[in-house]
Amino acid sequence: MQTVIDDLLINYEVVGKNPKNTLIILHGWGRSTNDWSTVAKIISKKFKIILIDLPGFGGSSVPNTQGFGTYEVVNKFIDKLELKNITLMGHSFGGKTSMVIASENEKIKKLILVDPSGVENKTLTAKVKKSVFSFIKPVQKLLPISIKNKLFNFFASSDYKTAGALKESFKIIVSQDVSEDAKKITIPTLIVWGDKDKEVPVATAKKLKSLIKHSTIRIVWGTGHDPFLEKQAKFLEIIEKFI
């Protein structure tokens, strides 16, 4: 299915028909609804599942402005489809987006965050990289191209390297810390994390719990950044108890 929000073609999929309970799932950066199709089918008996391709990904169109408002697009999508009594689940960047939405949209009744980004809690390696980059940045234009390429491969994240037309937007979005938004969330919140996540360290879960009042942490042991794909049965067991 498709709809138009702010001149953007937004692709989405609806699984299940339960009119009383709606579960919206937001994927991570560089991903699409395909990540969540199996999970959606399994839990569709209890919910009407709506999988959204966020702007620039999957079947949705690429915004022509930098730092586009993903949060605003999803909020307008909810209004346009007249959705109510929503459980919102977001993974990684989708989790970051979900926190902002849940902090301001009263139609969201429950929140599930799966290895979300957006809360500053850098590892020692990340802090060292940031310090070295700050030192090198003033002179990087003077360096040979071969050295510049090596530095780019060292400092740039995998998401940035594959951002394509969204690189400038990515730089704006990734720098946004949503800790203040997290503090405003008052609905029941489930925080799910893979203990071996190298993209967003599991230590962030504890910090996030301290920010969100009514939140609970569940760890999917032995998984990385995608616990819903790596140990799907365990992941489903955890979220089904919550929803």
C-alpha atoms as a PDB file:
ATOM      1  CA  MET A   1       0.000   0.000   0.000  1.00  0.00           C
ATOM      2  CA  GLN A   2       1.061   3.602  -0.519  1.00  0.00           C
ATOM      3  CA  THR A   3       0.064   7.071   0.604  1.00  0.00           C
ATOM      4  CA  VAL A   4       1.464  10.588   0.200  1.00  0.00           C
ATOM      5  CA  ILE A   5       2.701  12.588   3.209  1.00  0.00           C
ATOM      6  CA  ASP A   6       4.323  16.020   2.683  1.00  0.00           C
ATOM      7  CA  ASP A   7       4.885  15.259  -1.014  1.00  0.00           C
ATOM      8  CA  LEU A   8       6.619  11.997  -0.087  1.00  0.00           C
ATOM      9  CA  LEU A   9       5.348   8.656  -1.333  1.00  0.00           C
ATOM     10  CA  ILE A  10       5.234   6.426   1.741  1.00  0.00           C
ATOM     11  CA  ASN A  11       5.114   2.677   1.248  1.00  0.00           C
ATOM     12  CA  TYR A  12       3.554   0.529   3.964  1.00  0.00           C
ATOM     13  CA  GLU A  13       2.151  -2.933   4.566  1.00  0.00           C
ATOM     14  CA  VAL A  14      -0.795  -4.001   6.726  1.00  0.00           C
ATOM     15  CA  VAL A  15      -0.816  -7.476   8.278  1.00  0.00           C
ATOM     16  CA  GLY A  16      -3.709  -8.712  10.423  1.00  0.00           C
ATOM     17  CA  LYS A  17      -7.160  -7.208  10.937  1.00  0.00           C
ATOM     18  CA  ASN A  18      -7.714  -6.725  14.674  1.00  0.00           C
ATOM     19  CA  PRO A  19      -9.410  -3.300  14.735  1.00  0.00           C
ATOM     20  CA  LYS A  20      -8.900  -2.720  18.465  1.00  0.00           C
ATOM     21  CA  ASN A  21      -5.121  -3.030  18.628  1.00  0.00           C
ATOM     22  CA  THR A  22      -2.664  -1.462  16.209  1.00  0.00           C
ATOM     23  CA  LEU A  23       1.066  -2.182  16.227  1.00  0.00           C
ATOM     24  CA  ILE A  24       3.251   0.113  14.108  1.00  0.00           C
ATOM     25  CA  ILE A  25       6.790  -1.083  13.412  1.00  0.00           C
ATOM     26  CA  LEU A  26       9.575   1.288  12.343  1.00  0.00           C
ATOM     27  CA  HIS A  27      12.738  -0.246  10.883  1.00  0.00           C
ATOM     28  CA  GLY A  28      16.344   0.867  11.294  1.00  0.00           C
ATOM     29  CA  TRP A  29      18.496   3.102   9.094  1.00  0.00           C
ATOM     30  CA  GLY A  30      19.159   1.593   5.679  1.00  0.00           C
ATOM     31  CA  ARG A  31      16.589  -1.149   6.272  1.00  0.00           C
ATOM     32  CA  SER A  32      12.976  -1.672   5.177  1.00  0.00           C
ATOM     33  CA  THR A  33       9.730  -3.421   6.126  1.00  0.00           C
ATOM     34  CA  ASN A  34      11.271  -6.682   4.872  1.00  0.00           C
ATOM     35  CA  ASP A  35      13.205  -6.969   8.151  1.00  0.00           C
ATOM     36  CA  TRP A  36       9.964  -7.360  10.074  1.00  0.00           C
ATOM     37  CA  SER A  37       7.687  -9.331   7.751  1.00  0.00           C
ATOM     38  CA  THR A  38       8.106 -12.675   9.573  1.00  0.00           C
ATOM     39  CA  VAL A  39       7.599 -11.162  13.035  1.00  0.00           C
ATOM     40  CA  ALA A  40       4.499  -9.340  11.771  1.00  0.00           C
ATOM     41  CA  LYS A  41       2.918 -12.501  10.413  1.00  0.00           C
ATOM     42  CA  ILE A  42       3.459 -14.387  13.666  1.00  0.00           C
ATOM     43  CA  ILE A  43       1.827 -11.789  15.932  1.00  0.00           C
ATOM     44  CA  SER A  44      -0.834 -10.605  13.462  1.00  0.00           C
ATOM     45  CA  LYS A  45      -3.581 -12.618  15.192  1.00  0.00           C
ATOM     46  CA  LYS A  46      -3.562 -10.184  18.104  1.00  0.00           C
ATOM     47  CA  PHE A  47      -2.902  -6.969  16.201  1.00  0.00           C
ATOM     48  CA  LYS A  48      -3.329  -5.050  13.034  1.00  0.00           C
ATOM     49  CA  ILE A  49       0.356  -4.664  12.161  1.00  0.00           C
ATOM     50  CA  ILE A  50       1.470  -1.688  10.080  1.00  0.00           C
ATOM     51  CA  LEU A  51       4.984  -1.843   8.673  1.00  0.00           C
ATOM     52  CA  ILE A  52       6.205   1.507   7.347  1.00  0.00           C
ATOM     53  CA  ASP A  53       9.097   2.117   4.961  1.00  0.00           C
ATOM     54  CA  LEU A  54      10.576   5.289   6.429  1.00  0.00           C
ATOM     55  CA  PRO A  55      11.346   8.151   3.980  1.00  0.00           C
ATOM     56  CA  GLY A  56      14.286   7.279   1.744  1.00  0.00           C
ATOM     57  CA  PHE A  57      14.115   3.527   2.315  1.00  0.00           C
ATOM     58  CA  GLY A  58      12.340   0.514   0.849  1.00  0.00           C
ATOM     59  CA  GLY A  59       9.488   1.609  -1.395  1.00  0.00           C
ATOM     60  CA  SER A  60       9.226   5.137   0.038  1.00  0.00           C
ATOM     61  CA  SER A  61      10.575   8.122  -1.875  1.00  0.00           C
ATOM     62  CA  VAL A  62      13.790   9.949  -1.007  1.00  0.00           C
ATOM     63  CA  PRO A  63      13.282  13.410   0.550  1.00  0.00           C
ATOM     64  CA  ASN A  64      14.816  16.290  -1.394  1.00  0.00           C
ATOM     65  CA  THR A  65      15.681  18.279   1.737  1.00  0.00           C
ATOM     66  CA  GLN A  66      18.415  17.707   4.302  1.00  0.00           C
ATOM     67  CA  GLY A  67      17.448  16.731   7.824  1.00  0.00           C
ATOM     68  CA  PHE A  68      13.925  15.815   6.783  1.00  0.00           C
ATOM     69  CA  GLY A  69      11.401  15.333   9.589  1.00  0.00           C
ATOM     70  CA  THR A  70      10.898  11.563   9.878  1.00  0.00           C
ATOM     71  CA  TYR A  71       9.055  12.066  13.164  1.00  0.00           C
ATOM     72  CA  GLU A  72       6.606  14.511  11.561  1.00  0.00           C
ATOM     73  CA  VAL A  73       5.988  12.167   8.623  1.00  0.00           C
ATOM     74  CA  VAL A  74       5.074   9.260  10.913  1.00  0.00           C
ATOM     75  CA  ASN A  75       2.823  11.469  13.066  1.00  0.00           C
ATOM     76  CA  LYS A  76       0.994  12.695   9.963  1.00  0.00           C
ATOM     77  CA  PHE A  77       0.727   9.100   8.725  1.00  0.00           C
ATOM     78  CA  ILE A  78      -0.986   8.145  11.997  1.00  0.00           C
ATOM     79  CA  ASP A  79      -3.436  11.039  11.639  1.00  0.00           C
ATOM     80  CA  LYS A  80      -4.151  10.351   7.981  1.00  0.00           C
ATOM     81  CA  LEU A  81      -5.008   6.695   8.609  1.00  0.00           C
ATOM     82  CA  GLU A  82      -6.960   7.687  11.748  1.00  0.00           C
ATOM     83  CA  LEU A  83      -5.084   5.173  13.878  1.00  0.00           C
ATOM     84  CA  LYS A  84      -5.747   4.899  17.621  1.00  0.00           C
ATOM     85  CA  ASN A  85      -4.712   2.780  20.615  1.00  0.00           C
ATOM     86  CA  ILE A  86      -1.247   2.242  19.128  1.00  0.00           C
ATOM     87  CA  THR A  87       1.659   0.149  20.314  1.00  0.00           C
ATOM     88  CA  LEU A  88       4.759   1.562  18.634  1.00  0.00           C
ATOM     89  CA  MET A  89       7.869  -0.567  18.098  1.00  0.00           C
ATOM     90  CA  GLY A  90      11.084   0.803  16.636  1.00  0.00           C
ATOM     91  CA  HIS A  91      14.494  -0.686  15.911  1.00  0.00           C
ATOM     92  CA  SER A  92      17.747   1.311  15.936  1.00  0.00           C
ATOM     93  CA  PHE A  93      17.008   4.593  14.079  1.00  0.00           C
ATOM     94  CA  GLY A  94      13.356   3.527  14.100  1.00  0.00           C
ATOM     95  CA  GLY A  95      13.632   3.310  17.885  1.00  0.00           C
ATOM     96  CA  LYS A  96      15.049   6.805  18.046  1.00  0.00           C
ATOM     97  CA  THR A  97      12.160   8.022  15.908  1.00  0.00           C
ATOM     98  CA  SER A  98       9.702   6.138  18.113  1.00  0.00           C
ATOM     99  CA  MET A  99      10.958   7.864  21.254  1.00  0.00           C
ATOM    100  CA  VAL A 100      10.294  11.305  19.805  1.00  0.00           C
ATOM    101  CA  ILE A 101       6.817  10.273  18.613  1.00  0.00           C
ATOM    102  CA  ALA A 102       5.888   8.610  21.921  1.00  0.00           C
ATOM    103  CA  SER A 103       6.953  11.710  23.839  1.00  0.00           C
ATOM    104  CA  GLU A 104       4.370  13.877  22.074  1.00  0.00           C
ATOM    105  CA  ASN A 105       1.645  11.723  20.493  1.00  0.00           C
ATOM    106  CA  GLU A 106      -1.141  10.710  22.880  1.00  0.00           C
ATOM    107  CA  LYS A 107      -2.351   8.000  20.491  1.00  0.00           C
ATOM    108  CA  ILE A 108       0.692   5.902  21.438  1.00  0.00           C
ATOM    109  CA  LYS A 109      -0.274   3.710  24.412  1.00  0.00           C
ATOM    110  CA  LYS A 110       2.729   1.373  24.618  1.00  0.00           C
ATOM    111  CA  LEU A 111       6.302   1.573  23.346  1.00  0.00           C
ATOM    112  CA  ILE A 112       8.842  -1.114  22.421  1.00  0.00           C
ATOM    113  CA  LEU A 113      12.430  -0.043  21.755  1.00  0.00           C
ATOM    114  CA  VAL A 114      14.752  -2.551  20.093  1.00  0.00           C
ATOM    115  CA  ASP A 115      18.436  -1.580  20.339  1.00  0.00           C
ATOM    116  CA  PRO A 116      17.502   2.075  19.709  1.00  0.00           C
ATOM    117  CA  SER A 117      19.969   4.795  18.792  1.00  0.00           C
ATOM    118  CA  GLY A 118      19.628   8.414  19.847  1.00  0.00           C
ATOM    119  CA  VAL A 119      20.849   8.397  23.452  1.00  0.00           C
ATOM    120  CA  GLU A 120      24.438   9.443  23.953  1.00  0.00           C
ATOM    121  CA  ASN A 121      26.455   6.734  25.704  1.00  0.00           C
ATOM    122  CA  LYS A 122      29.661   6.392  23.739  1.00  0.00           C
ATOM    123  CA  THR A 123      32.063   3.489  24.175  1.00  0.00           C
ATOM    124  CA  LEU A 124      35.743   4.188  24.911  1.00  0.00           C
ATOM    125  CA  THR A 125      36.586   3.358  21.278  1.00  0.00           C
ATOM    126  CA  ALA A 126      34.010   5.868  20.015  1.00  0.00           C
ATOM    127  CA  LYS A 127      35.352   8.557  22.361  1.00  0.00           C
ATOM    128  CA  VAL A 128      38.908   7.980  21.148  1.00  0.00           C
ATOM    129  CA  LYS A 129      37.771   8.162  17.507  1.00  0.00           C
ATOM    130  CA  LYS A 130      35.961  11.430  18.183  1.00  0.00           C
ATOM    131  CA  SER A 131      39.027  12.962  19.838  1.00  0.00           C
ATOM    132  CA  VAL A 132      41.357  11.887  17.011  1.00  0.00           C
ATOM    133  CA  PHE A 133      38.898  13.133  14.366  1.00  0.00           C
ATOM    134  CA  SER A 134      38.647  16.543  16.079  1.00  0.00           C
ATOM    135  CA  PHE A 135      42.442  16.783  16.025  1.00  0.00           C
ATOM    136  CA  ILE A 136      42.762  15.804  12.334  1.00  0.00           C
ATOM    137  CA  LYS A 137      39.741  17.686  10.907  1.00  0.00           C
ATOM    138  CA  PRO A 138      41.439  21.133  10.596  1.00  0.00           C
ATOM    139  CA  VAL A 139      44.190  19.725   8.337  1.00  0.00           C
ATOM    140  CA  GLN A 140      42.322  16.980   6.464  1.00  0.00           C
ATOM    141  CA  LYS A 141      41.985  19.102   3.284  1.00  0.00           C
ATOM    142  CA  LEU A 142      45.772  19.164   2.999  1.00  0.00           C
ATOM    143  CA  LEU A 143      46.135  15.385   3.106  1.00  0.00           C
ATOM    144  CA  PRO A 144      46.614  13.168   0.008  1.00  0.00           C
ATOM    145  CA  ILE A 145      43.457  11.480  -1.345  1.00  0.00           C
ATOM    146  CA  SER A 146      44.755   8.027  -0.407  1.00  0.00           C
ATOM    147  CA  ILE A 147      45.128   9.103   3.236  1.00  0.00           C
ATOM    148  CA  LYS A 148      41.710  10.764   3.193  1.00  0.00           C
ATOM    149  CA  ASN A 149      40.125   7.524   1.970  1.00  0.00           C
ATOM    150  CA  LYS A 150      41.775   5.519   4.728  1.00  0.00           C
ATOM    151  CA  LEU A 151      40.610   8.011   7.348  1.00  0.00           C
ATOM    152  CA  PHE A 152      37.074   7.900   5.925  1.00  0.00           C
ATOM    153  CA  ASN A 153      36.969   4.109   6.162  1.00  0.00           C
ATOM    154  CA  PHE A 154      38.227   4.276   9.749  1.00  0.00           C
ATOM    155  CA  PHE A 155      35.952   7.008  11.076  1.00  0.00           C
ATOM    156  CA  ALA A 156      32.736   6.595   9.082  1.00  0.00           C
ATOM    157  CA  SER A 157      30.025   4.240  10.295  1.00  0.00           C
ATOM    158  CA  SER A 158      28.626   1.540   8.013  1.00  0.00           C
ATOM    159  CA  ASP A 159      25.313   3.453   7.885  1.00  0.00           C
ATOM    160  CA  TYR A 160      27.031   6.624   6.681  1.00  0.00           C
ATOM    161  CA  LYS A 161      29.057   4.768   4.057  1.00  0.00           C
ATOM    162  CA  THR A 162      25.878   3.349   2.526  1.00  0.00           C
ATOM    163  CA  ALA A 163      23.690   6.465   2.970  1.00  0.00           C
ATOM    164  CA  GLY A 164      24.032   7.548  -0.669  1.00  0.00           C
ATOM    165  CA  ALA A 165      21.785  10.567  -1.360  1.00  0.00           C
ATOM    166  CA  LEU A 166      20.921  10.715   2.345  1.00  0.00           C
ATOM    167  CA  LYS A 167      24.479  11.359   3.608  1.00  0.00           C
ATOM    168  CA  GLU A 168      23.922  14.994   4.538  1.00  0.00           C
ATOM    169  CA  SER A 169      20.617  14.144   6.212  1.00  0.00           C
ATOM    170  CA  PHE A 170      22.297  11.269   8.025  1.00  0.00           C
ATOM    171  CA  LYS A 171      24.913  13.607   9.517  1.00  0.00           C
ATOM    172  CA  ILE A 172      22.152  15.850  10.883  1.00  0.00           C
ATOM    173  CA  ILE A 173      19.977  12.991  12.132  1.00  0.00           C
ATOM    174  CA  VAL A 174      22.744  10.960  13.777  1.00  0.00           C
ATOM    175  CA  SER A 175      23.888  13.990  15.794  1.00  0.00           C
ATOM    176  CA  GLN A 176      20.466  14.416  17.404  1.00  0.00           C
ATOM    177  CA  ASP A 177      20.357  13.206  21.011  1.00  0.00           C
ATOM    178  CA  VAL A 178      16.778  12.418  22.051  1.00  0.00           C
ATOM    179  CA  SER A 179      17.443  12.041  25.783  1.00  0.00           C
ATOM    180  CA  GLU A 180      15.161  14.965  26.605  1.00  0.00           C
ATOM    181  CA  ASP A 181      12.375  13.391  24.552  1.00  0.00           C
ATOM    182  CA  ALA A 182      12.888  10.097  26.388  1.00  0.00           C
ATOM    183  CA  LYS A 183      12.346  11.874  29.722  1.00  0.00           C
ATOM    184  CA  LYS A 184       8.878  12.958  28.553  1.00  0.00           C
ATOM    185  CA  ILE A 185       7.687   9.387  27.858  1.00  0.00           C
ATOM    186  CA  THR A 186       5.154   8.252  30.464  1.00  0.00           C
ATOM    187  CA  ILE A 187       3.607   5.174  28.795  1.00  0.00           C
ATOM    188  CA  PRO A 188       4.646   1.552  29.530  1.00  0.00           C
ATOM    189  CA  THR A 189       7.898   0.935  27.668  1.00  0.00           C
ATOM    190  CA  LEU A 190       9.788  -2.259  26.928  1.00  0.00           C
ATOM    191  CA  ILE A 191      13.498  -1.923  26.121  1.00  0.00           C
ATOM    192  CA  VAL A 192      14.905  -4.968  24.280  1.00  0.00           C
ATOM    193  CA  TRP A 193      18.637  -5.330  23.621  1.00  0.00           C
ATOM    194  CA  GLY A 194      21.180  -7.749  22.261  1.00  0.00           C
ATOM    195  CA  ASP A 195      24.049  -8.100  24.744  1.00  0.00           C
ATOM    196  CA  LYS A 196      26.621  -8.307  21.945  1.00  0.00           C
ATOM    197  CA  ASP A 197      25.428  -5.220  20.062  1.00  0.00           C
ATOM    198  CA  LYS A 198      28.491  -3.444  18.639  1.00  0.00           C
ATOM    199  CA  GLU A 199      26.569  -0.595  16.997  1.00  0.00           C
ATOM    200  CA  VAL A 200      24.697   0.626  20.078  1.00  0.00           C
ATOM    201  CA  PRO A 201      26.276  -0.846  23.252  1.00  0.00           C
ATOM    202  CA  VAL A 202      24.013  -2.667  25.683  1.00  0.00           C
ATOM    203  CA  ALA A 203      25.148  -0.301  28.455  1.00  0.00           C
ATOM    204  CA  THR A 204      22.905   2.284  26.785  1.00  0.00           C
ATOM    205  CA  ALA A 205      19.863   0.247  27.893  1.00  0.00           C
ATOM    206  CA  LYS A 206      20.524   1.102  31.538  1.00  0.00           C
ATOM    207  CA  LYS A 207      20.840   4.799  30.764  1.00  0.00           C
ATOM    208  CA  LEU A 208      17.653   4.700  28.712  1.00  0.00           C
ATOM    209  CA  LYS A 209      15.784   3.016  31.566  1.00  0.00           C
ATOM    210  CA  SER A 210      16.835   5.835  33.889  1.00  0.00           C
ATOM    211  CA  LEU A 211      15.329   8.347  31.451  1.00  0.00           C
ATOM    212  CA  ILE A 212      11.991   6.606  30.770  1.00  0.00           C
ATOM    213  CA  LYS A 213       9.874   6.321  33.926  1.00  0.00           C
ATOM    214  CA  HIS A 214       7.766   3.224  33.297  1.00  0.00           C
ATOM    215  CA  SER A 215      10.312   1.111  31.435  1.00  0.00           C
ATOM    216  CA  THR A 216      11.601  -2.450  31.659  1.00  0.00           C
ATOM    217  CA  ILE A 217      14.749  -3.976  30.154  1.00  0.00           C
ATOM    218  CA  ARG A 218      14.908  -7.416  28.581  1.00  0.00           C
ATOM    219  CA  ILE A 219      18.149  -8.821  27.136  1.00  0.00           C
ATOM    220  CA  VAL A 220      18.205 -11.293  24.253  1.00  0.00           C
ATOM    221  CA  TRP A 221      21.430 -13.051  25.189  1.00  0.00           C
ATOM    222  CA  GLY A 222      23.899 -14.002  22.496  1.00  0.00           C
ATOM    223  CA  THR A 223      22.594 -11.528  19.922  1.00  0.00           C
ATOM    224  CA  GLY A 224      23.930  -8.345  18.366  1.00  0.00           C
ATOM    225  CA  HIS A 225      22.107  -5.346  16.913  1.00  0.00           C
ATOM    226  CA  ASP A 226      19.262  -7.409  15.421  1.00  0.00           C
ATOM    227  CA  PRO A 227      17.884  -9.686  18.175  1.00  0.00           C
ATOM    228  CA  PHE A 228      14.546  -9.977  16.340  1.00  0.00           C
ATOM    229  CA  LEU A 229      16.375 -11.673  13.453  1.00  0.00           C
ATOM    230  CA  GLU A 230      19.124 -13.528  15.314  1.00  0.00           C
ATOM    231  CA  LYS A 231      16.971 -15.213  17.977  1.00  0.00           C
ATOM    232  CA  GLN A 232      13.460 -14.611  16.744  1.00  0.00           C
ATOM    233  CA  ALA A 233      11.688 -17.114  19.006  1.00  0.00           C
ATOM    234  CA  LYS A 234      13.172 -15.596  22.167  1.00  0.00           C
ATOM    235  CA  PHE A 235      12.490 -12.084  20.945  1.00  0.00           C
ATOM    236  CA  LEU A 236       8.849 -12.948  20.251  1.00  0.00           C
ATOM    237  CA  GLU A 237       8.495 -14.567  23.675  1.00  0.00           C
ATOM    238  CA  ILE A 238       9.661 -11.328  25.297  1.00  0.00           C
ATOM    239  CA  ILE A 239       7.464  -8.903  23.373  1.00  0.00           C
ATOM    240  CA  GLU A 240       4.329 -11.086  23.452  1.00  0.00           C
ATOM    241  CA  LYS A 241       4.369 -10.924  27.256  1.00  0.00           C
ATOM    242  CA  PHE A 242       4.409  -7.140  27.006  1.00  0.00           C
ATOM    243  CA  ILE A 243       1.820  -6.558  24.310  1.00  0.00           C
END
